[in-house]
Amino acid sequence: MSKKTETSPLLANGGDEGGDIHSKLANIRSLMQDTHDSCINFSYEWRKDQLTRLEKLVRDNFEEILDALYQDLGKARCEAGCFEMGSLVSEIEFFSKNLKSLMEPEDFPSPIGLFPGFSKVTPMPRNGPAVLVIGPSNYPISLSLMGVAGSLAAGNPTVLKPSELCPVSAALLAKYVPQYFEANALQVVGGGIPETTALLDQEWGMILFTGSERVGKIVAAAAAKTLTPIVLELGGKCPCLVDETCPADITQVANRMIWAKTANCGQNCISPDYAVVHKSKIDALVPELLKTLEKQFGSDPKQSGLGKLVAPGHVTRAIEMLQEVEERAKTDKSIKILVGGSDKCDAKAGYVAPTLILNAPLDCRVMQEEIFCPILPIVVFETRDEAVNLINSRAGTPLAFHAFTSSDKVFRELTERCRSGTAVQNDFLVQFVGPYLPFGGLGSSGIGAYRGANSFKAFSHMLPVVHRPCFPGADLHMLRYQPFGAFKEFALLKVLPILPTIPVLRLKIVSKAMVAVVVAVAITQFVPGADALVHSGRAAGAGFLRKVADALSP
């Protein structure tokens, strides 16, 4: 493994390390505002170029990225390459392949009152000077650069603030971003709380933050002062409900549960935080959980590829949570530590032993706080109502809800009664794998959603545009103008509300032709002798109207 490096207080493209952070941020913002003012970032070519640079950065330095993830999080090479970097590469490829279609304005029908009119929504970059992406510590490369990819695809110069808890990954980003990007397109700002605070004091086009609910509230409060739009990807206590209708293959249920709880050493915002298991399934499930845990990590998981928590303080917190349960178990024999425990953890090594707790007390911290490590409390229930009430009694709204049931009807009922940001039937984590589904929270688990096309929309201002031509007759007998008489009142209050919406007009000349027809009909009613003139051109007009109808047809 390569030598571990530390991030400097401030690392950004085109600047020396150290110095006054506010003056450096002013320089960054000025460079990126220049990009906005030039409008070059509105073009397909600029956006495509940034995505190409980002993909090249990832591919050229893939091995070094895996090494950084190992140093920061102890991630096994295969896990990091497949589950973290694989998702990132697919996200960048999605934008590269679909960028032109994503940028295309979308046509919409228009109210009859706008006839002739053309309505569309045009994706535009956010306000300058840039979008701010604040990356997390659990996936310091992939989640940070996924946000960057969406922002650049939408045409935004971007500032990335990596997590200071992953110094090797942060230093790697700070090292390579200047080598692949112009300083007016993407910059990396390193450091800790002072640097993040300084960033949040500024106005941005948008902020994407991925992290805890506690810090998310700080980001939201800071953004509110400048009315900066935000997308917050947080977390919460994500439940797993094993219903009495769960699939018959209980081994597969156990395999998936242990995999999801231990992936990235349990540091996933959508990992099962606790399991609620029907009493008819508990006796079959527990032995399978123990069996698959040993099969995946051996008799001593510390010597396996489990990984480690990102900070010693996180291990200390986990140990304290376990010790609270262990103390309660001394007087309540129904509480059982099935495997693991506080004595098997090692704060210095960042190691938390995979731990299963049967009949976890509902008032203990493991059932009150988001756990975010490989500790799985298990609670047994008798009725579905009891399980739903238990889940809904936990604080906040979880980012993910997982239910094992073979019944689609039961799953629908559960997702309606147990609100969450995302939901998965009979598996875990898979809702984040591809760039196609929106990923986002609800209530305390987040604001907004991203991934793929949803990222493009989140990082764009979807500009509504209406075009109306100016030519004689386009205002339909001056209906909207003063003075209003009996005819206009009848037309506006009685006729207009019952007329159909104008379909999408694909050719502006069609609109003009339709207006001409309306005007011609009106002339025949009020101009003497005009009827004969219209009659003489009827044959030619009929052929033209057929072309009009063809142009309007889908």
Protein backbone atom coordinates (compact mmCIF):
# COMPACT_ATOMS: atom_id res chain seq x y z
CA MET A 1 0.00 0.00 0.00
CA SER A 2 1.12 3.53 -0.67
CA LYS A 3 2.23 5.94 2.01
CA LYS A 4 -0.66 7.62 3.83
CA THR A 5 -0.99 11.34 3.17
CA GLU A 6 -2.90 14.07 4.96
CA THR A 7 -5.06 16.85 3.56
CA SER A 8 -3.90 20.43 3.98
CA PRO A 9 -6.26 23.05 5.45
CA LEU A 10 -7.34 24.22 2.01
CA LEU A 11 -6.66 22.49 -1.27
CA ALA A 12 -8.06 24.00 -4.43
CA ASN A 13 -7.15 24.25 -8.12
CA GLY A 14 -4.86 27.07 -8.97
CA GLY A 15 -3.91 28.17 -5.44
CA ASP A 16 -1.21 27.68 -2.83
CA GLU A 17 -1.89 25.70 0.31
CA GLY A 18 -2.70 27.64 3.47
CA GLY A 19 -3.48 31.34 3.45
CA ASP A 20 -6.74 33.10 4.19
CA ILE A 21 -9.67 30.86 3.32
CA HIS A 22 -12.05 33.72 2.61
CA SER A 23 -9.75 35.31 0.02
CA LYS A 24 -9.21 31.90 -1.61
CA LEU A 25 -12.95 31.26 -1.75
CA ALA A 26 -13.45 34.70 -3.27
CA ASN A 27 -10.96 33.76 -5.99
CA ILE A 28 -12.69 30.44 -6.64
CA ARG A 29 -16.09 32.07 -6.84
CA SER A 30 -14.82 34.77 -9.19
CA LEU A 31 -13.33 32.22 -11.59
CA MET A 32 -16.52 30.19 -11.67
CA GLN A 33 -18.76 33.23 -12.03
CA ASP A 34 -16.72 34.14 -15.10
CA THR A 35 -17.65 30.75 -16.54
CA HIS A 36 -21.33 31.48 -15.92
CA ASP A 37 -21.05 34.97 -17.40
CA SER A 38 -19.43 33.60 -20.56
CA CYS A 39 -22.36 31.14 -20.98
CA ILE A 40 -19.90 28.51 -22.23
CA ASN A 41 -21.24 26.11 -19.59
CA PHE A 42 -24.66 26.21 -21.27
CA SER A 43 -23.28 24.32 -24.25
CA TYR A 44 -23.29 20.59 -24.88
CA GLU A 45 -19.60 20.69 -25.75
CA TRP A 46 -18.52 22.16 -22.41
CA ARG A 47 -20.57 19.68 -20.41
CA LYS A 48 -19.45 16.70 -22.44
CA ASP A 49 -15.84 17.77 -22.03
CA GLN A 50 -16.18 17.91 -18.24
CA LEU A 51 -17.73 14.44 -18.12
CA THR A 52 -14.93 13.08 -20.30
CA ARG A 53 -12.36 14.58 -17.97
CA LEU A 54 -14.11 13.11 -14.92
CA GLU A 55 -14.27 9.63 -16.41
CA LYS A 56 -10.60 9.84 -17.38
CA LEU A 57 -9.65 10.92 -13.85
CA VAL A 58 -11.42 7.86 -12.41
CA ARG A 59 -10.10 5.35 -14.95
CA ASP A 60 -6.53 6.64 -14.98
CA ASN A 61 -6.23 6.51 -11.20
CA PHE A 62 -8.44 3.52 -10.42
CA GLU A 63 -5.78 1.56 -8.56
CA GLU A 64 -4.76 4.55 -6.44
CA ILE A 65 -8.40 5.20 -5.60
CA LEU A 66 -8.83 1.63 -4.37
CA ASP A 67 -5.69 2.05 -2.28
CA ALA A 68 -7.04 5.26 -0.73
CA LEU A 69 -10.33 3.58 0.17
CA TYR A 70 -8.41 0.77 1.83
CA GLN A 71 -6.37 3.19 3.92
CA ASP A 72 -9.35 5.30 4.98
CA LEU A 73 -11.96 2.56 5.47
CA GLY A 74 -10.19 -0.78 5.23
CA LYS A 75 -12.30 -1.63 2.18
CA ALA A 76 -11.48 -4.87 0.44
CA ARG A 77 -10.36 -4.30 -3.13
CA CYS A 78 -13.25 -6.24 -4.69
CA GLU A 79 -15.89 -4.52 -2.56
CA ALA A 80 -14.50 -1.06 -3.30
CA GLY A 81 -14.05 -1.73 -7.02
CA CYS A 82 -17.47 -3.28 -7.57
CA PHE A 83 -19.89 -1.66 -5.14
CA GLU A 84 -18.36 1.80 -4.90
CA MET A 85 -16.46 2.55 -8.09
CA GLY A 86 -18.70 0.46 -10.34
CA SER A 87 -21.71 2.62 -9.46
CA LEU A 88 -19.69 5.78 -10.04
CA VAL A 89 -18.48 4.72 -13.48
CA SER A 90 -22.00 3.71 -14.56
CA GLU A 91 -23.29 7.11 -13.42
CA ILE A 92 -20.70 9.00 -15.49
CA GLU A 93 -21.35 6.76 -18.49
CA PHE A 94 -25.08 7.38 -18.19
CA PHE A 95 -24.59 11.14 -18.43
CA SER A 96 -22.11 10.84 -21.31
CA LYS A 97 -24.49 8.67 -23.36
CA ASN A 98 -27.69 10.58 -22.58
CA LEU A 99 -26.48 14.16 -22.25
CA LYS A 100 -27.93 15.42 -25.53
CA SER A 101 -31.39 14.03 -24.85
CA LEU A 102 -31.31 15.29 -21.25
CA MET A 103 -30.53 18.81 -22.50
CA GLU A 104 -33.37 18.84 -25.04
CA PRO A 105 -36.27 21.15 -24.16
CA GLU A 106 -39.51 19.27 -23.50
CA ASP A 107 -42.63 20.48 -25.28
CA PHE A 108 -45.92 20.80 -23.41
CA PRO A 109 -49.52 21.54 -24.40
CA SER A 110 -50.79 25.09 -23.88
CA PRO A 111 -54.05 26.43 -22.46
CA ILE A 112 -56.52 27.47 -25.15
CA GLY A 113 -56.22 31.04 -23.95
CA LEU A 114 -52.62 31.09 -25.23
CA PHE A 115 -53.63 30.06 -28.76
CA PRO A 116 -51.46 30.29 -30.78
CA GLY A 117 -48.73 29.42 -28.29
CA PHE A 118 -45.80 27.09 -27.77
CA SER A 119 -44.89 25.90 -24.26
CA LYS A 120 -41.73 24.07 -23.27
CA VAL A 121 -39.39 23.48 -20.35
CA THR A 122 -35.70 24.11 -20.99
CA PRO A 123 -33.02 22.73 -18.61
CA MET A 124 -30.62 25.50 -17.60
CA PRO A 125 -27.66 25.59 -15.19
CA ARG A 126 -28.29 26.78 -11.67
CA ASN A 127 -27.35 30.30 -10.61
CA GLY A 128 -23.68 31.17 -10.31
CA PRO A 129 -21.09 31.08 -9.18
CA ALA A 130 -21.16 27.30 -8.69
CA VAL A 131 -22.77 24.28 -7.10
CA LEU A 132 -21.30 23.10 -3.80
CA VAL A 133 -21.01 19.33 -3.22
CA ILE A 134 -20.20 18.27 0.36
CA GLY A 135 -19.11 14.64 0.28
CA PRO A 136 -19.60 11.96 2.96
CA SER A 137 -17.11 9.80 4.83
CA ASN A 138 -18.68 6.40 4.14
CA TYR A 139 -18.24 6.57 0.35
CA PRO A 140 -15.73 9.43 0.06
CA ILE A 141 -14.96 8.99 -3.64
CA SER A 142 -18.08 7.61 -5.32
CA LEU A 143 -20.79 9.66 -3.60
CA SER A 144 -18.70 12.82 -3.89
CA LEU A 145 -18.03 12.35 -7.60
CA MET A 146 -21.58 11.18 -8.39
CA GLY A 147 -22.76 14.57 -7.20
CA VAL A 148 -20.03 16.27 -9.22
CA ALA A 149 -21.04 14.30 -12.34
CA GLY A 150 -24.67 15.40 -12.06
CA SER A 151 -23.69 18.99 -11.43
CA LEU A 152 -21.28 19.18 -14.39
CA ALA A 153 -23.77 17.46 -16.70
CA ALA A 154 -26.29 20.14 -15.80
CA GLY A 155 -23.76 22.82 -16.75
CA ASN A 156 -22.63 23.98 -13.33
CA PRO A 157 -19.09 24.90 -12.33
CA THR A 158 -18.64 22.91 -9.12
CA VAL A 159 -16.82 23.11 -5.80
CA LEU A 160 -16.25 19.78 -4.03
CA LYS A 161 -15.65 19.59 -0.28
CA PRO A 162 -14.52 16.01 0.55
CA SER A 163 -14.90 14.59 4.06
CA GLU A 164 -11.99 15.39 6.36
CA LEU A 165 -12.57 11.99 8.03
CA CYS A 166 -11.06 10.32 4.94
CA PRO A 167 -7.77 12.19 4.56
CA VAL A 168 -6.21 9.91 1.96
CA SER A 169 -9.24 10.06 -0.33
CA ALA A 170 -9.54 13.82 0.15
CA ALA A 171 -5.85 14.33 -0.66
CA LEU A 172 -6.18 12.17 -3.76
CA LEU A 173 -9.08 14.28 -5.06
CA ALA A 174 -7.22 17.49 -4.28
CA LYS A 175 -4.16 16.16 -6.12
CA TYR A 176 -5.81 14.94 -9.31
CA VAL A 177 -8.71 17.32 -9.92
CA PRO A 178 -6.36 20.20 -10.86
CA GLN A 179 -4.58 17.89 -13.28
CA TYR A 180 -7.76 17.08 -15.19
CA PHE A 181 -9.95 20.18 -14.83
CA GLU A 182 -9.69 23.89 -15.45
CA ALA A 183 -9.94 25.96 -12.27
CA ASN A 184 -13.11 27.64 -13.54
CA ALA A 185 -14.94 24.31 -13.88
CA LEU A 186 -14.16 22.12 -10.84
CA GLN A 187 -12.22 22.76 -7.66
CA VAL A 188 -11.62 20.81 -4.46
CA VAL A 189 -11.62 22.53 -1.09
CA GLY A 190 -10.10 20.50 1.75
CA GLY A 191 -10.09 20.99 5.49
CA GLY A 192 -12.55 20.50 8.32
CA ILE A 193 -15.23 22.42 10.16
CA PRO A 194 -13.75 25.94 9.64
CA GLU A 195 -13.49 25.44 5.88
CA THR A 196 -16.97 23.92 5.65
CA THR A 197 -18.39 26.78 7.70
CA ALA A 198 -16.72 29.31 5.40
CA LEU A 199 -18.19 27.55 2.38
CA LEU A 200 -21.67 27.53 3.90
CA ASP A 201 -21.46 31.25 4.58
CA GLN A 202 -21.49 31.82 0.81
CA GLU A 203 -24.37 31.84 -1.63
CA TRP A 204 -24.32 28.98 -4.15
CA GLY A 205 -26.43 27.86 -7.06
CA MET A 206 -27.23 24.72 -5.06
CA ILE A 207 -25.78 22.60 -2.26
CA LEU A 208 -25.72 18.80 -2.23
CA PHE A 209 -24.90 17.39 1.19
CA THR A 210 -24.60 13.71 2.07
CA GLY A 211 -24.21 12.85 5.75
CA SER A 212 -25.96 12.73 9.10
CA GLU A 213 -29.25 14.30 10.08
CA ARG A 214 -27.45 16.40 12.71
CA VAL A 215 -25.08 18.02 10.21
CA GLY A 216 -27.83 18.16 7.60
CA LYS A 217 -29.76 20.54 9.87
CA ILE A 218 -26.68 22.77 10.10
CA VAL A 219 -26.32 22.81 6.31
CA ALA A 220 -30.03 23.55 5.85
CA ALA A 221 -29.93 26.40 8.36
CA ALA A 222 -26.89 27.95 6.68
CA ALA A 223 -28.42 27.58 3.21
CA ALA A 224 -31.63 29.24 4.39
CA LYS A 225 -29.73 32.44 5.20
CA THR A 226 -28.80 32.88 1.53
CA LEU A 227 -31.89 31.11 0.13
CA THR A 228 -29.61 28.56 -1.52
CA PRO A 229 -31.49 25.48 -2.82
CA ILE A 230 -30.39 22.21 -1.21
CA VAL A 231 -30.50 18.47 -1.72
CA LEU A 232 -29.88 16.59 1.53
CA GLU A 233 -29.12 12.87 1.53
CA LEU A 234 -29.28 11.80 5.17
CA GLY A 235 -30.25 8.50 6.78
CA GLY A 236 -32.17 7.35 9.84
CA LYS A 237 -33.15 4.06 11.45
CA CYS A 238 -33.93 1.94 8.42
CA PRO A 239 -36.08 -1.05 9.43
CA CYS A 240 -36.15 -4.56 8.05
CA LEU A 241 -39.45 -6.37 8.54
CA VAL A 242 -39.51 -10.16 8.14
CA ASP A 243 -43.20 -10.92 7.75
CA GLU A 244 -44.94 -14.22 8.31
CA THR A 245 -45.40 -14.26 4.51
CA CYS A 246 -41.65 -14.02 3.88
CA PRO A 247 -40.09 -16.22 1.14
CA ALA A 248 -39.63 -19.87 2.05
CA ASP A 249 -35.85 -19.79 1.49
CA ILE A 250 -34.89 -18.42 4.91
CA THR A 251 -31.20 -19.02 4.16
CA GLN A 252 -31.34 -16.48 1.36
CA VAL A 253 -33.08 -14.01 3.67
CA ALA A 254 -30.27 -14.42 6.21
CA ASN A 255 -27.53 -14.17 3.56
CA ARG A 256 -28.89 -10.89 2.28
CA MET A 257 -29.41 -9.46 5.75
CA ILE A 258 -25.87 -10.17 6.94
CA TRP A 259 -24.38 -8.93 3.65
CA ALA A 260 -26.28 -5.65 3.85
CA LYS A 261 -25.48 -5.10 7.52
CA THR A 262 -21.75 -5.70 7.08
CA ALA A 263 -21.18 -4.10 3.65
CA ASN A 264 -18.81 -1.17 4.11
CA CYS A 265 -18.65 -2.25 7.76
CA GLY A 266 -22.29 -1.22 8.20
CA GLN A 267 -21.61 2.38 7.17
CA ASN A 268 -24.50 2.67 4.73
CA CYS A 269 -27.34 5.13 5.06
CA ILE A 270 -29.71 2.46 3.68
CA SER A 271 -28.41 -0.55 5.65
CA PRO A 272 -30.93 -2.40 7.81
CA ASP A 273 -30.58 -0.60 11.14
CA TYR A 274 -32.69 -3.15 13.00
CA ALA A 275 -34.82 -6.19 12.19
CA VAL A 276 -38.43 -6.79 13.20
CA VAL A 277 -39.15 -10.50 12.80
CA HIS A 278 -42.43 -12.40 13.05
CA LYS A 279 -42.46 -14.92 15.88
CA SER A 280 -43.09 -17.79 13.44
CA LYS A 281 -39.81 -17.06 11.63
CA ILE A 282 -37.39 -16.20 14.42
CA ASP A 283 -36.37 -19.76 15.30
CA ALA A 284 -35.50 -20.52 11.69
CA LEU A 285 -33.85 -17.17 10.95
CA VAL A 286 -31.44 -16.85 13.90
CA PRO A 287 -29.41 -20.03 13.19
CA GLU A 288 -29.14 -19.03 9.54
CA LEU A 289 -27.90 -15.57 10.48
CA LEU A 290 -25.17 -17.07 12.66
CA LYS A 291 -24.26 -19.60 10.01
CA THR A 292 -23.93 -17.10 7.15
CA LEU A 293 -22.02 -14.63 9.34
CA GLU A 294 -19.34 -17.25 9.98
CA LYS A 295 -19.41 -18.34 6.36
CA GLN A 296 -18.84 -14.78 5.11
CA PHE A 297 -16.28 -13.65 7.75
CA GLY A 298 -14.93 -16.75 9.45
CA SER A 299 -14.66 -17.41 13.16
CA ASP A 300 -12.69 -14.18 13.68
CA PRO A 301 -14.18 -11.37 11.53
CA LYS A 302 -11.38 -9.02 12.62
CA GLN A 303 -9.04 -10.99 10.38
CA SER A 304 -11.44 -10.89 7.42
CA GLY A 305 -12.19 -8.27 4.77
CA LEU A 306 -14.84 -6.62 6.93
CA GLY A 307 -13.22 -3.19 6.91
CA LYS A 308 -13.23 -0.58 9.67
CA LEU A 309 -15.16 2.43 10.90
CA VAL A 310 -13.94 5.72 9.55
CA ALA A 311 -13.10 7.33 12.92
CA PRO A 312 -12.10 6.02 16.37
CA GLY A 313 -14.88 8.08 17.95
CA HIS A 314 -17.42 6.11 15.96
CA VAL A 315 -16.07 2.86 17.42
CA THR A 316 -16.20 4.30 20.94
CA ARG A 317 -19.84 5.23 20.41
CA ALA A 318 -20.64 1.71 19.15
CA ILE A 319 -18.94 0.14 22.17
CA GLU A 320 -20.95 2.36 24.52
CA MET A 321 -24.17 1.33 22.79
CA LEU A 322 -23.28 -2.34 23.18
CA GLN A 323 -22.29 -1.92 26.82
CA GLU A 324 -25.67 -0.38 27.58
CA VAL A 325 -27.43 -3.45 26.15
CA GLU A 326 -25.03 -5.82 27.94
CA GLU A 327 -25.75 -4.12 31.24
CA ARG A 328 -29.49 -4.51 30.70
CA ALA A 329 -29.01 -8.18 29.77
CA LYS A 330 -27.66 -8.89 33.26
CA THR A 331 -31.13 -8.37 34.73
CA ASP A 332 -33.30 -9.25 31.73
CA LYS A 333 -32.50 -12.77 30.54
CA SER A 334 -34.64 -12.39 27.40
CA ILE A 335 -31.99 -10.02 25.98
CA LYS A 336 -29.27 -12.06 24.30
CA ILE A 337 -26.01 -11.12 22.57
CA LEU A 338 -26.01 -13.93 20.00
CA VAL A 339 -22.58 -13.10 18.59
CA GLY A 340 -20.06 -10.30 18.96
CA GLY A 341 -20.21 -7.85 21.84
CA SER A 342 -18.27 -4.88 23.20
CA ASP A 343 -15.31 -6.96 24.44
CA LYS A 344 -14.53 -8.04 20.88
CA CYS A 345 -14.32 -4.48 19.50
CA ASP A 346 -11.07 -2.54 19.07
CA ALA A 347 -11.33 1.27 18.93
CA LYS A 348 -7.69 1.78 17.92
CA ALA A 349 -8.06 -0.55 14.96
CA GLY A 350 -11.46 0.92 14.00
CA TYR A 351 -13.00 -2.52 14.48
CA VAL A 352 -16.56 -3.20 15.62
CA ALA A 353 -17.36 -6.89 15.87
CA PRO A 354 -20.45 -7.96 13.90
CA THR A 355 -23.05 -8.27 16.66
CA LEU A 356 -26.57 -9.69 16.73
CA ILE A 357 -28.82 -8.69 19.64
CA LEU A 358 -32.02 -10.67 20.21
CA ASN A 359 -34.89 -8.88 21.97
CA ALA A 360 -33.10 -5.55 22.00
CA PRO A 361 -34.68 -3.13 24.52
CA LEU A 362 -36.67 -0.46 22.70
CA ASP A 363 -35.45 2.30 25.03
CA CYS A 364 -31.74 1.54 24.53
CA ARG A 365 -29.60 3.59 22.15
CA VAL A 366 -29.37 0.76 19.62
CA MET A 367 -33.12 1.16 19.09
CA GLN A 368 -33.20 4.93 19.42
CA GLU A 369 -30.26 6.15 17.30
CA GLU A 370 -28.99 5.33 13.83
CA ILE A 371 -26.35 2.65 14.44
CA PHE A 372 -24.16 2.93 11.31
CA CYS A 373 -21.95 -0.07 12.05
CA PRO A 374 -22.31 -3.90 11.95
CA ILE A 375 -24.62 -4.17 14.98
CA LEU A 376 -28.07 -5.63 14.27
CA PRO A 377 -30.77 -5.52 16.96
CA ILE A 378 -33.62 -7.99 16.45
CA VAL A 379 -37.14 -7.53 17.84
CA VAL A 380 -39.86 -10.19 17.65
CA PHE A 381 -43.49 -9.33 16.85
CA GLU A 382 -46.76 -11.26 16.81
CA THR A 383 -49.08 -9.14 14.67
CA ARG A 384 -48.41 -6.93 11.68
CA ASP A 385 -50.03 -3.99 13.46
CA GLU A 386 -47.56 -4.44 16.31
CA ALA A 387 -44.62 -4.37 13.89
CA VAL A 388 -45.92 -1.28 12.08
CA ASN A 389 -46.49 0.56 15.34
CA LEU A 390 -42.99 -0.31 16.54
CA ILE A 391 -41.42 0.95 13.32
CA ASN A 392 -43.45 4.15 13.30
CA SER A 393 -42.61 4.83 16.94
CA ARG A 394 -38.92 5.30 16.05
CA ALA A 395 -37.90 8.93 15.63
CA GLY A 396 -37.85 10.44 12.14
CA THR A 397 -38.52 8.96 8.71
CA PRO A 398 -36.03 6.32 7.50
CA LEU A 399 -34.24 6.61 4.18
CA ALA A 400 -35.06 2.98 3.37
CA PHE A 401 -37.69 0.42 4.33
CA HIS A 402 -37.06 -3.27 3.71
CA ALA A 403 -39.68 -6.00 3.92
CA PHE A 404 -39.38 -9.72 3.29
CA THR A 405 -42.74 -10.94 2.03
CA SER A 406 -43.87 -13.04 -0.90
CA SER A 407 -47.09 -11.04 -1.09
CA ASP A 408 -47.14 -7.89 -3.22
CA LYS A 409 -50.36 -6.91 -1.44
CA VAL A 410 -48.67 -7.11 1.97
CA PHE A 411 -45.68 -5.16 0.70
CA ARG A 412 -47.95 -2.43 -0.66
CA GLU A 413 -49.76 -2.25 2.66
CA LEU A 414 -46.50 -2.01 4.58
CA THR A 415 -45.03 0.73 2.38
CA GLU A 416 -48.23 2.73 2.75
CA ARG A 417 -48.21 2.43 6.53
CA CYS A 418 -44.44 2.76 7.08
CA ARG A 419 -43.24 5.87 5.28
CA SER A 420 -39.68 6.01 3.97
CA GLY A 421 -37.50 7.59 1.29
CA THR A 422 -37.04 4.31 -0.60
CA ALA A 423 -38.40 0.78 -0.27
CA VAL A 424 -37.12 -2.69 -1.21
CA GLN A 425 -38.95 -6.02 -1.22
CA ASN A 426 -36.86 -9.06 -0.32
CA ASP A 427 -33.42 -7.44 -0.55
CA PHE A 428 -31.24 -4.52 0.58
CA LEU A 429 -29.16 -1.69 -0.94
CA VAL A 430 -30.16 -2.56 -4.52
CA GLN A 431 -32.20 0.63 -4.99
CA PHE A 432 -28.93 2.55 -5.28
CA VAL A 433 -27.16 0.27 -7.74
CA GLY A 434 -28.21 1.80 -11.08
CA PRO A 435 -28.56 5.39 -12.35
CA TYR A 436 -32.24 5.01 -13.20
CA LEU A 437 -34.23 5.32 -9.98
CA PRO A 438 -34.45 8.57 -8.02
CA PHE A 439 -32.62 8.26 -4.70
CA GLY A 440 -33.67 10.53 -1.88
CA GLY A 441 -35.14 10.80 1.56
CA LEU A 442 -38.40 11.91 3.09
CA GLY A 443 -38.75 14.18 6.10
CA SER A 444 -35.79 13.70 8.44
CA SER A 445 -33.99 11.41 5.98
CA GLY A 446 -33.50 14.07 3.35
CA ILE A 447 -34.75 16.64 0.87
CA GLY A 448 -34.79 16.07 -2.87
CA ALA A 449 -33.46 13.15 -4.91
CA TYR A 450 -30.66 12.43 -7.37
CA ARG A 451 -28.99 9.74 -9.54
CA GLY A 452 -29.02 9.70 -13.34
CA ALA A 453 -31.74 11.77 -15.01
CA ASN A 454 -32.99 12.76 -11.57
CA SER A 455 -29.57 14.25 -10.81
CA PHE A 456 -29.72 16.23 -14.02
CA LYS A 457 -33.09 17.68 -13.02
CA ALA A 458 -31.99 18.33 -9.45
CA PHE A 459 -28.90 20.25 -10.56
CA SER A 460 -30.78 22.14 -13.31
CA HIS A 461 -33.17 25.04 -13.26
CA MET A 462 -36.09 23.76 -15.31
CA LEU A 463 -36.98 26.99 -17.10
CA PRO A 464 -40.60 27.26 -18.33
CA VAL A 465 -40.70 29.04 -21.70
CA VAL A 466 -43.76 30.22 -23.65
CA HIS A 467 -43.49 31.57 -27.20
CA ARG A 468 -46.35 33.46 -28.80
CA PRO A 469 -46.10 34.81 -32.34
CA CYS A 470 -47.00 38.41 -33.19
CA PHE A 471 -49.06 38.74 -36.36
CA PRO A 472 -52.57 39.96 -37.25
CA GLY A 473 -55.28 37.86 -35.62
CA ALA A 474 -52.97 36.25 -33.05
CA ASP A 475 -54.87 37.87 -30.17
CA LEU A 476 -58.25 36.42 -31.20
CA HIS A 477 -60.43 39.51 -31.52
CA MET A 478 -58.61 41.33 -28.70
CA LEU A 479 -60.47 39.22 -26.14
CA ARG A 480 -58.11 39.87 -23.24
CA TYR A 481 -57.96 43.63 -23.66
CA GLN A 482 -60.18 46.39 -22.27
CA PRO A 483 -62.96 47.30 -22.69
CA PHE A 484 -64.87 44.17 -21.73
CA GLY A 485 -68.37 43.98 -23.15
CA ALA A 486 -71.05 41.31 -23.22
CA PHE A 487 -69.41 39.38 -26.06
CA LYS A 488 -66.02 39.24 -24.38
CA GLU A 489 -67.59 38.30 -21.05
CA PHE A 490 -69.44 35.43 -22.70
CA ALA A 491 -66.33 34.28 -24.54
CA LEU A 492 -63.96 34.49 -21.56
CA LEU A 493 -66.25 33.23 -18.79
CA LYS A 494 -68.49 30.74 -20.60
CA VAL A 495 -66.71 29.50 -23.73
CA LEU A 496 -63.00 29.57 -22.87
CA PRO A 497 -63.22 27.30 -19.77
CA ILE A 498 -64.84 24.47 -21.73
CA LEU A 499 -62.50 24.51 -24.72
CA PRO A 500 -59.83 21.77 -24.94
CA THR A 501 -56.13 22.30 -24.28
CA ILE A 502 -54.01 23.06 -27.33
CA PRO A 503 -51.90 20.00 -28.19
CA VAL A 504 -48.17 20.36 -28.69
CA LEU A 505 -47.78 22.32 -31.92
CA ARG A 506 -44.77 20.92 -33.65
CA LEU A 507 -44.54 23.56 -36.40
CA LYS A 508 -44.97 27.27 -35.79
CA ILE A 509 -46.25 27.71 -39.34
CA VAL A 510 -49.13 25.40 -38.39
CA SER A 511 -50.16 27.83 -35.69
CA LYS A 512 -50.15 30.69 -38.16
CA ALA A 513 -52.21 28.66 -40.62
CA MET A 514 -54.79 27.82 -37.97
CA VAL A 515 -55.09 31.48 -36.99
CA ALA A 516 -55.53 32.37 -40.66
CA VAL A 517 -58.41 29.90 -40.89
CA VAL A 518 -60.06 31.37 -37.79
CA VAL A 519 -59.64 34.91 -39.14
CA ALA A 520 -61.04 33.88 -42.54
CA VAL A 521 -64.12 32.41 -40.93
CA ALA A 522 -64.59 35.57 -38.89
CA ILE A 523 -64.26 37.72 -42.03
CA THR A 524 -67.00 35.79 -43.79
CA GLN A 525 -69.31 36.70 -40.97
CA PHE A 526 -68.67 40.44 -40.92
CA VAL A 527 -67.26 41.48 -44.37
CA PRO A 528 -69.79 41.66 -47.30
CA GLY A 529 -68.74 39.59 -50.32
CA ALA A 530 -66.00 37.78 -48.48
CA ASP A 531 -67.88 34.49 -48.51
CA ALA A 532 -67.48 34.15 -52.29
CA LEU A 533 -63.78 34.85 -52.00
CA VAL A 534 -63.34 32.15 -49.39
CA HIS A 535 -65.46 29.70 -51.43
CA SER A 536 -63.18 30.05 -54.45
CA GLY A 537 -60.18 28.89 -52.44
CA ARG A 538 -61.96 26.10 -50.60
CA ALA A 539 -60.47 23.23 -52.62
CA ALA A 540 -56.91 24.47 -52.11
CA GLY A 541 -57.64 25.17 -48.46
CA ALA A 542 -58.93 21.67 -47.85
CA GLY A 543 -55.66 20.19 -49.08
CA PHE A 544 -53.66 22.54 -46.87
CA LEU A 545 -55.75 21.68 -43.82
CA ARG A 546 -55.03 17.99 -44.40
CA LYS A 547 -51.32 18.82 -44.21
CA VAL A 548 -52.00 20.77 -41.04
CA ALA A 549 -53.73 17.75 -39.52
CA ASP A 550 -50.80 15.50 -40.48
CA ALA A 551 -48.35 17.91 -38.87
CA LEU A 552 -50.33 17.96 -35.64
CA SER A 553 -50.73 14.20 -35.41
CA PRO A 554 -48.27 12.36 -33.07
